[in-house]
Amino acid sequence: IHSFKVVPIRMTQDATPGYSVPVHFIPTRTNTYQIQCSQLCGNGHYSMRGYFKVLSQEDFDAWIKAKPTVGAGAVSYE
């Protein structure tokens, strides 16, 4: 078992491998936040860190638009 934690926004959610658990929150400002595992889960626990970025709506829309669409560049073998 792991625990997804973002201290600045006071969010913690248990995370069990193999299960999808939605996390709901409403960000109040743009920022880059550090995420970490807050449950001692084994030898690699110390390295279970990452970041997520809260973007403005305009920046998010631009990011989505810049991503390739699913199936784009698919090859037909006819």
PDB file of N, CA and C in Angstrom:
ATOM      1  N   ILE A   1       0.854  -1.183   0.000  1.00  0.00           N
ATOM      2  CA  ILE A   1       0.000   0.000   0.000  1.00  0.00           C
ATOM      3  C   ILE A   1       0.890   1.231   0.000  1.00  0.00           C
ATOM      4  N   HIS A   2       0.455   2.232  -0.737  1.00  0.00           N
ATOM      5  CA  HIS A   2       1.145   3.513  -0.812  1.00  0.00           C
ATOM      6  C   HIS A   2       0.162   4.587  -0.362  1.00  0.00           C
ATOM      7  N   SER A   3       0.655   5.799  -0.274  1.00  0.00           N
ATOM      8  CA  SER A   3      -0.220   6.913   0.070  1.00  0.00           C
ATOM      9  C   SER A   3       0.254   8.145  -0.686  1.00  0.00           C
ATOM     10  N   PHE A   4      -0.576   8.619  -1.597  1.00  0.00           N
ATOM     11  CA  PHE A   4      -0.296   9.789  -2.428  1.00  0.00           C
ATOM     12  C   PHE A   4      -0.515  11.034  -1.577  1.00  0.00           C
ATOM     13  N   LYS A   5       0.525  11.868  -1.433  1.00  0.00           N
ATOM     14  CA  LYS A   5       0.407  13.028  -0.554  1.00  0.00           C
ATOM     15  C   LYS A   5       0.957  14.272  -1.227  1.00  0.00           C
ATOM     16  N   VAL A   6       0.197  15.367  -1.095  1.00  0.00           N
ATOM     17  CA  VAL A   6       0.630  16.681  -1.557  1.00  0.00           C
ATOM     18  C   VAL A   6       0.426  17.626  -0.377  1.00  0.00           C
ATOM     19  N   VAL A   7       1.499  17.915   0.335  1.00  0.00           N
ATOM     20  CA  VAL A   7       1.413  18.676   1.582  1.00  0.00           C
ATOM     21  C   VAL A   7       0.813  20.068   1.401  1.00  0.00           C
ATOM     22  N   PRO A   8       1.251  20.880   0.416  1.00  0.00           N
ATOM     23  CA  PRO A   8       0.741  22.261   0.345  1.00  0.00           C
ATOM     24  C   PRO A   8      -0.772  22.375   0.150  1.00  0.00           C
ATOM     25  N   ILE A   9      -1.388  21.362  -0.471  1.00  0.00           N
ATOM     26  CA  ILE A   9      -2.840  21.447  -0.652  1.00  0.00           C
ATOM     27  C   ILE A   9      -3.585  20.511   0.304  1.00  0.00           C
ATOM     28  N   ARG A  10      -2.848  19.968   1.266  1.00  0.00           N
ATOM     29  CA  ARG A  10      -3.431  19.133   2.327  1.00  0.00           C
ATOM     30  C   ARG A  10      -4.236  17.955   1.775  1.00  0.00           C
ATOM     31  N   MET A  11      -3.636  17.250   0.822  1.00  0.00           N
ATOM     32  CA  MET A  11      -4.308  16.117   0.201  1.00  0.00           C
ATOM     33  C   MET A  11      -3.498  14.846   0.447  1.00  0.00           C
ATOM     34  N   THR A  12      -4.162  13.821   0.928  1.00  0.00           N
ATOM     35  CA  THR A  12      -3.563  12.502   1.107  1.00  0.00           C
ATOM     36  C   THR A  12      -4.593  11.460   0.684  1.00  0.00           C
ATOM     37  N   GLN A  13      -4.148  10.485  -0.087  1.00  0.00           N
ATOM     38  CA  GLN A  13      -5.048   9.422  -0.524  1.00  0.00           C
ATOM     39  C   GLN A  13      -4.279   8.114  -0.561  1.00  0.00           C
ATOM     40  N   ASP A  14      -4.796   7.087   0.115  1.00  0.00           N
ATOM     41  CA  ASP A  14      -4.171   5.769   0.025  1.00  0.00           C
ATOM     42  C   ASP A  14      -4.217   5.292  -1.418  1.00  0.00           C
ATOM     43  N   ALA A  15      -3.175   4.598  -1.818  1.00  0.00           N
ATOM     44  CA  ALA A  15      -3.076   4.085  -3.185  1.00  0.00           C
ATOM     45  C   ALA A  15      -2.653   2.625  -3.115  1.00  0.00           C
ATOM     46  N   THR A  16      -3.496   1.750  -3.625  1.00  0.00           N
ATOM     47  CA  THR A  16      -3.220   0.323  -3.632  1.00  0.00           C
ATOM     48  C   THR A  16      -2.900  -0.107  -5.058  1.00  0.00           C
ATOM     49  N   PRO A  17      -1.739  -0.729  -5.292  1.00  0.00           N
ATOM     50  CA  PRO A  17      -1.395  -1.165  -6.647  1.00  0.00           C
ATOM     51  C   PRO A  17      -2.506  -2.020  -7.255  1.00  0.00           C
ATOM     52  N   GLY A  18      -2.824  -1.729  -8.518  1.00  0.00           N
ATOM     53  CA  GLY A  18      -3.849  -2.477  -9.227  1.00  0.00           C
ATOM     54  C   GLY A  18      -5.240  -1.879  -9.140  1.00  0.00           C
ATOM     55  N   TYR A  19      -5.413  -0.848  -8.345  1.00  0.00           N
ATOM     56  CA  TYR A  19      -6.717  -0.199  -8.193  1.00  0.00           C
ATOM     57  C   TYR A  19      -6.629   1.259  -8.622  1.00  0.00           C
ATOM     58  N   SER A  20      -7.678   1.745  -9.261  1.00  0.00           N
ATOM     59  CA  SER A  20      -7.779   3.166  -9.607  1.00  0.00           C
ATOM     60  C   SER A  20      -8.620   3.850  -8.544  1.00  0.00           C
ATOM     61  N   VAL A  21      -8.061   4.857  -7.927  1.00  0.00           N
ATOM     62  CA  VAL A  21      -8.776   5.613  -6.896  1.00  0.00           C
ATOM     63  C   VAL A  21      -8.760   7.079  -7.314  1.00  0.00           C
ATOM     64  N   PRO A  22      -9.914   7.641  -7.666  1.00  0.00           N
ATOM     65  CA  PRO A  22      -9.923   9.047  -8.077  1.00  0.00           C
ATOM     66  C   PRO A  22      -9.624   9.967  -6.901  1.00  0.00           C
ATOM     67  N   VAL A  23      -8.947  11.051  -7.192  1.00  0.00           N
ATOM     68  CA  VAL A  23      -8.650  12.083  -6.199  1.00  0.00           C
ATOM     69  C   VAL A  23      -9.231  13.382  -6.739  1.00  0.00           C
ATOM     70  N   HIS A  24     -10.056  14.023  -5.956  1.00  0.00           N
ATOM     71  CA  HIS A  24     -10.710  15.254  -6.398  1.00  0.00           C
ATOM     72  C   HIS A  24     -10.212  16.426  -5.567  1.00  0.00           C
ATOM     73  N   PHE A  25      -9.882  17.499  -6.245  1.00  0.00           N
ATOM     74  CA  PHE A  25      -9.501  18.730  -5.564  1.00  0.00           C
ATOM     75  C   PHE A  25      -9.694  19.881  -6.537  1.00  0.00           C
ATOM     76  N   ILE A  26      -9.806  21.074  -6.011  1.00  0.00           N
ATOM     77  CA  ILE A  26      -9.942  22.275  -6.836  1.00  0.00           C
ATOM     78  C   ILE A  26      -8.747  23.170  -6.535  1.00  0.00           C
ATOM     79  N   PRO A  27      -7.810  23.271  -7.485  1.00  0.00           N
ATOM     80  CA  PRO A  27      -6.643  24.122  -7.240  1.00  0.00           C
ATOM     81  C   PRO A  27      -7.049  25.595  -7.221  1.00  0.00           C
ATOM     82  N   THR A  28      -6.404  26.355  -6.366  1.00  0.00           N
ATOM     83  CA  THR A  28      -6.726  27.781  -6.258  1.00  0.00           C
ATOM     84  C   THR A  28      -5.674  28.666  -6.895  1.00  0.00           C
ATOM     85  N   ARG A  29      -4.547  28.076  -7.315  1.00  0.00           N
ATOM     86  CA  ARG A  29      -3.516  28.858  -8.001  1.00  0.00           C
ATOM     87  C   ARG A  29      -2.630  27.933  -8.816  1.00  0.00           C
ATOM     88  N   THR A  30      -1.993  28.502  -9.814  1.00  0.00           N
ATOM     89  CA  THR A  30      -1.049  27.732 -10.618  1.00  0.00           C
ATOM     90  C   THR A  30       0.234  27.559  -9.813  1.00  0.00           C
ATOM     91  N   ASN A  31       0.840  26.397  -9.963  1.00  0.00           N
ATOM     92  CA  ASN A  31       2.065  26.123  -9.224  1.00  0.00           C
ATOM     93  C   ASN A  31       2.568  24.738  -9.619  1.00  0.00           C
ATOM     94  N   THR A  32       3.777  24.413  -9.229  1.00  0.00           N
ATOM     95  CA  THR A  32       4.312  23.067  -9.349  1.00  0.00           C
ATOM     96  C   THR A  32       4.430  22.515  -7.939  1.00  0.00           C
ATOM     97  N   TYR A  33       3.822  21.356  -7.710  1.00  0.00           N
ATOM     98  CA  TYR A  33       3.770  20.767  -6.378  1.00  0.00           C
ATOM     99  C   TYR A  33       4.553  19.460  -6.347  1.00  0.00           C
ATOM    100  N   GLN A  34       5.235  19.219  -5.238  1.00  0.00           N
ATOM    101  CA  GLN A  34       5.920  17.948  -5.055  1.00  0.00           C
ATOM    102  C   GLN A  34       4.915  16.936  -4.517  1.00  0.00           C
ATOM    103  N   ILE A  35       4.939  15.736  -5.087  1.00  0.00           N
ATOM    104  CA  ILE A  35       4.118  14.644  -4.568  1.00  0.00           C
ATOM    105  C   ILE A  35       5.058  13.622  -3.944  1.00  0.00           C
ATOM    106  N   GLN A  36       4.559  12.891  -2.982  1.00  0.00           N
ATOM    107  CA  GLN A  36       5.388  11.887  -2.323  1.00  0.00           C
ATOM    108  C   GLN A  36       4.518  10.764  -1.794  1.00  0.00           C
ATOM    109  N   CYS A  37       5.154   9.635  -1.551  1.00  0.00           N
ATOM    110  CA  CYS A  37       4.477   8.527  -0.890  1.00  0.00           C
ATOM    111  C   CYS A  37       4.634   8.750   0.608  1.00  0.00           C
ATOM    112  N   SER A  38       3.527   8.767   1.322  1.00  0.00           N
ATOM    113  CA  SER A  38       3.597   9.034   2.762  1.00  0.00           C
ATOM    114  C   SER A  38       3.359   7.780   3.601  1.00  0.00           C
ATOM    115  N   GLN A  39       3.407   6.618   2.947  1.00  0.00           N
ATOM    116  CA  GLN A  39       3.250   5.341   3.653  1.00  0.00           C
ATOM    117  C   GLN A  39       4.549   4.560   3.478  1.00  0.00           C
ATOM    118  N   LEU A  40       5.194   4.192   4.560  1.00  0.00           N
ATOM    119  CA  LEU A  40       6.427   3.421   4.457  1.00  0.00           C
ATOM    120  C   LEU A  40       6.108   2.109   3.742  1.00  0.00           C
ATOM    121  N   CYS A  41       6.573   1.996   2.491  1.00  0.00           N
ATOM    122  CA  CYS A  41       6.109   0.913   1.624  1.00  0.00           C
ATOM    123  C   CYS A  41       7.198  -0.067   1.214  1.00  0.00           C
ATOM    124  N   GLY A  42       8.423   0.142   1.633  1.00  0.00           N
ATOM    125  CA  GLY A  42       9.474  -0.798   1.268  1.00  0.00           C
ATOM    126  C   GLY A  42      10.786  -0.096   0.976  1.00  0.00           C
ATOM    127  N   ASN A  43      11.720  -0.854   0.390  1.00  0.00           N
ATOM    128  CA  ASN A  43      13.076  -0.346   0.162  1.00  0.00           C
ATOM    129  C   ASN A  43      13.139   0.896  -0.713  1.00  0.00           C
ATOM    130  N   GLY A  44      12.271   1.028  -1.689  1.00  0.00           N
ATOM    131  CA  GLY A  44      12.318   2.169  -2.597  1.00  0.00           C
ATOM    132  C   GLY A  44      11.496   3.361  -2.145  1.00  0.00           C
ATOM    133  N   HIS A  45      10.962   3.302  -0.943  1.00  0.00           N
ATOM    134  CA  HIS A  45      10.060   4.357  -0.460  1.00  0.00           C
ATOM    135  C   HIS A  45      10.681   5.746  -0.551  1.00  0.00           C
ATOM    136  N   TYR A  46      11.944   5.871  -0.176  1.00  0.00           N
ATOM    137  CA  TYR A  46      12.600   7.182  -0.152  1.00  0.00           C
ATOM    138  C   TYR A  46      12.627   7.848  -1.526  1.00  0.00           C
ATOM    139  N   SER A  47      12.564   7.063  -2.592  1.00  0.00           N
ATOM    140  CA  SER A  47      12.663   7.634  -3.936  1.00  0.00           C
ATOM    141  C   SER A  47      11.307   7.823  -4.611  1.00  0.00           C
ATOM    142  N   MET A  48      10.223   7.583  -3.905  1.00  0.00           N
ATOM    143  CA  MET A  48       8.891   7.712  -4.503  1.00  0.00           C
ATOM    144  C   MET A  48       8.419   9.155  -4.383  1.00  0.00           C
ATOM    145  N   ARG A  49       8.966   9.977  -5.254  1.00  0.00           N
ATOM    146  CA  ARG A  49       8.627  11.400  -5.280  1.00  0.00           C
ATOM    147  C   ARG A  49       8.396  11.802  -6.730  1.00  0.00           C
ATOM    148  N   GLY A  50       7.671  12.850  -6.907  1.00  0.00           N
ATOM    149  CA  GLY A  50       7.419  13.368  -8.237  1.00  0.00           C
ATOM    150  C   GLY A  50       6.842  14.763  -8.134  1.00  0.00           C
ATOM    151  N   TYR A  51       6.390  15.278  -9.256  1.00  0.00           N
ATOM    152  CA  TYR A  51       5.831  16.621  -9.305  1.00  0.00           C
ATOM    153  C   TYR A  51       4.574  16.618 -10.153  1.00  0.00           C
ATOM    154  N   PHE A  52       3.658  17.491  -9.827  1.00  0.00           N
ATOM    155  CA  PHE A  52       2.568  17.776 -10.752  1.00  0.00           C
ATOM    156  C   PHE A  52       2.397  19.277 -10.826  1.00  0.00           C
ATOM    157  N   LYS A  53       1.934  19.701 -11.985  1.00  0.00           N
ATOM    158  CA  LYS A  53       1.868  21.125 -12.281  1.00  0.00           C
ATOM    159  C   LYS A  53       0.416  21.526 -12.485  1.00  0.00           C
ATOM    160  N   VAL A  54      -0.009  22.567 -11.794  1.00  0.00           N
ATOM    161  CA  VAL A  54      -1.335  23.152 -11.996  1.00  0.00           C
ATOM    162  C   VAL A  54      -1.153  24.309 -12.972  1.00  0.00           C
ATOM    163  N   LEU A  55      -1.837  24.221 -14.105  1.00  0.00           N
ATOM    164  CA  LEU A  55      -1.726  25.225 -15.160  1.00  0.00           C
ATOM    165  C   LEU A  55      -2.964  26.105 -15.205  1.00  0.00           C
ATOM    166  N   SER A  56      -2.820  27.275 -15.814  1.00  0.00           N
ATOM    167  CA  SER A  56      -4.000  28.093 -16.108  1.00  0.00           C
ATOM    168  C   SER A  56      -4.815  27.355 -17.168  1.00  0.00           C
ATOM    169  N   GLN A  57      -6.079  27.699 -17.316  1.00  0.00           N
ATOM    170  CA  GLN A  57      -6.913  27.031 -18.318  1.00  0.00           C
ATOM    171  C   GLN A  57      -6.332  27.211 -19.713  1.00  0.00           C
ATOM    172  N   GLU A  58      -5.829  28.397 -20.011  1.00  0.00           N
ATOM    173  CA  GLU A  58      -5.255  28.666 -21.336  1.00  0.00           C
ATOM    174  C   GLU A  58      -4.014  27.801 -21.580  1.00  0.00           C
ATOM    175  N   ASP A  59      -3.135  27.710 -20.593  1.00  0.00           N
ATOM    176  CA  ASP A  59      -1.932  26.889 -20.741  1.00  0.00           C
ATOM    177  C   ASP A  59      -2.287  25.405 -20.851  1.00  0.00           C
ATOM    178  N   PHE A  60      -3.291  24.968 -20.089  1.00  0.00           N
ATOM    179  CA  PHE A  60      -3.729  23.577 -20.166  1.00  0.00           C
ATOM    180  C   PHE A  60      -4.287  23.273 -21.556  1.00  0.00           C
ATOM    181  N   ASP A  61      -5.123  24.166 -22.083  1.00  0.00           N
ATOM    182  CA  ASP A  61      -5.689  23.961 -23.418  1.00  0.00           C
ATOM    183  C   ASP A  61      -4.588  23.880 -24.471  1.00  0.00           C
ATOM    184  N   ALA A  62      -3.559  24.732 -24.348  1.00  0.00           N
ATOM    185  CA  ALA A  62      -2.437  24.705 -25.288  1.00  0.00           C
ATOM    186  C   ALA A  62      -1.652  23.398 -25.151  1.00  0.00           C
ATOM    187  N   TRP A  63      -1.479  22.915 -23.933  1.00  0.00           N
ATOM    188  CA  TRP A  63      -0.767  21.660 -23.689  1.00  0.00           C
ATOM    189  C   TRP A  63      -1.522  20.492 -24.322  1.00  0.00           C
ATOM    190  N   ILE A  64      -2.839  20.470 -24.135  1.00  0.00           N
ATOM    191  CA  ILE A  64      -3.663  19.411 -24.737  1.00  0.00           C
ATOM    192  C   ILE A  64      -3.578  19.471 -26.257  1.00  0.00           C
ATOM    193  N   LYS A  65      -3.664  20.669 -26.808  1.00  0.00           N
ATOM    194  CA  LYS A  65      -3.634  20.828 -28.264  1.00  0.00           C
ATOM    195  C   LYS A  65      -2.299  20.367 -28.850  1.00  0.00           C
ATOM    196  N   ALA A  66      -1.214  20.542 -28.113  1.00  0.00           N
ATOM    197  CA  ALA A  66       0.118  20.176 -28.600  1.00  0.00           C
ATOM    198  C   ALA A  66       0.386  18.676 -28.516  1.00  0.00           C
ATOM    199  N   LYS A  67      -0.406  17.942 -27.741  1.00  0.00           N
ATOM    200  CA  LYS A  67      -0.194  16.499 -27.606  1.00  0.00           C
ATOM    201  C   LYS A  67      -0.689  15.788 -28.868  1.00  0.00           C
ATOM    202  N   PRO A  68       0.005  14.739 -29.291  1.00  0.00           N
ATOM    203  CA  PRO A  68      -0.479  13.996 -30.457  1.00  0.00           C
ATOM    204  C   PRO A  68      -1.802  13.306 -30.136  1.00  0.00           C
ATOM    205  N   THR A  69      -2.652  13.210 -31.134  1.00  0.00           N
ATOM    206  CA  THR A  69      -3.935  12.541 -30.929  1.00  0.00           C
ATOM    207  C   THR A  69      -3.729  11.027 -30.968  1.00  0.00           C
ATOM    208  N   VAL A  70      -4.562  10.318 -30.255  1.00  0.00           N
ATOM    209  CA  VAL A  70      -4.470   8.862 -30.215  1.00  0.00           C
ATOM    210  C   VAL A  70      -4.722   8.322 -31.613  1.00  0.00           C
ATOM    211  N   GLY A  71      -3.849   7.477 -32.074  1.00  0.00           N
ATOM    212  CA  GLY A  71      -3.997   6.876 -33.389  1.00  0.00           C
ATOM    213  C   GLY A  71      -3.384   7.699 -34.509  1.00  0.00           C
ATOM    214  N   ALA A  72      -2.943   8.910 -34.212  1.00  0.00           N
ATOM    215  CA  ALA A  72      -2.300   9.722 -35.243  1.00  0.00           C
ATOM    216  C   ALA A  72      -1.012   9.032 -35.664  1.00  0.00           C
ATOM    217  N   GLY A  73      -0.791   8.963 -36.920  1.00  0.00           N
ATOM    218  CA  GLY A  73       0.414   8.322 -37.413  1.00  0.00           C
ATOM    219  C   GLY A  73       0.302   6.806 -37.485  1.00  0.00           C
ATOM    220  N   ALA A  74      -0.918   6.299 -37.342  1.00  0.00           N
ATOM    221  CA  ALA A  74      -1.106   4.852 -37.436  1.00  0.00           C
ATOM    222  C   ALA A  74      -0.750   4.388 -38.841  1.00  0.00           C
ATOM    223  N   VAL A  75      -0.216   3.214 -38.942  1.00  0.00           N
ATOM    224  CA  VAL A  75       0.228   2.672 -40.225  1.00  0.00           C
ATOM    225  C   VAL A  75      -0.766   1.624 -40.694  1.00  0.00           C
ATOM    226  N   SER A  76      -1.141   1.715 -41.964  1.00  0.00           N
ATOM    227  CA  SER A  76      -2.025   0.724 -42.557  1.00  0.00           C
ATOM    228  C   SER A  76      -1.170  -0.277 -43.325  1.00  0.00           C
ATOM    229  N   TYR A  77      -1.457  -1.553 -43.149  1.00  0.00           N
ATOM    230  CA  TYR A  77      -0.691  -2.595 -43.824  1.00  0.00           C
ATOM    231  C   TYR A  77      -1.482  -3.200 -44.968  1.00  0.00           C
ATOM    232  N   GLU A  78      -2.079  -2.352 -45.781  1.00  0.00           N
ATOM    233  CA  GLU A  78      -2.859  -2.849 -46.918  1.00  0.00           C
ATOM    234  C   GLU A  78      -1.988  -3.044 -48.117  1.00  0.00           C
TER     235      GLU A  78
END
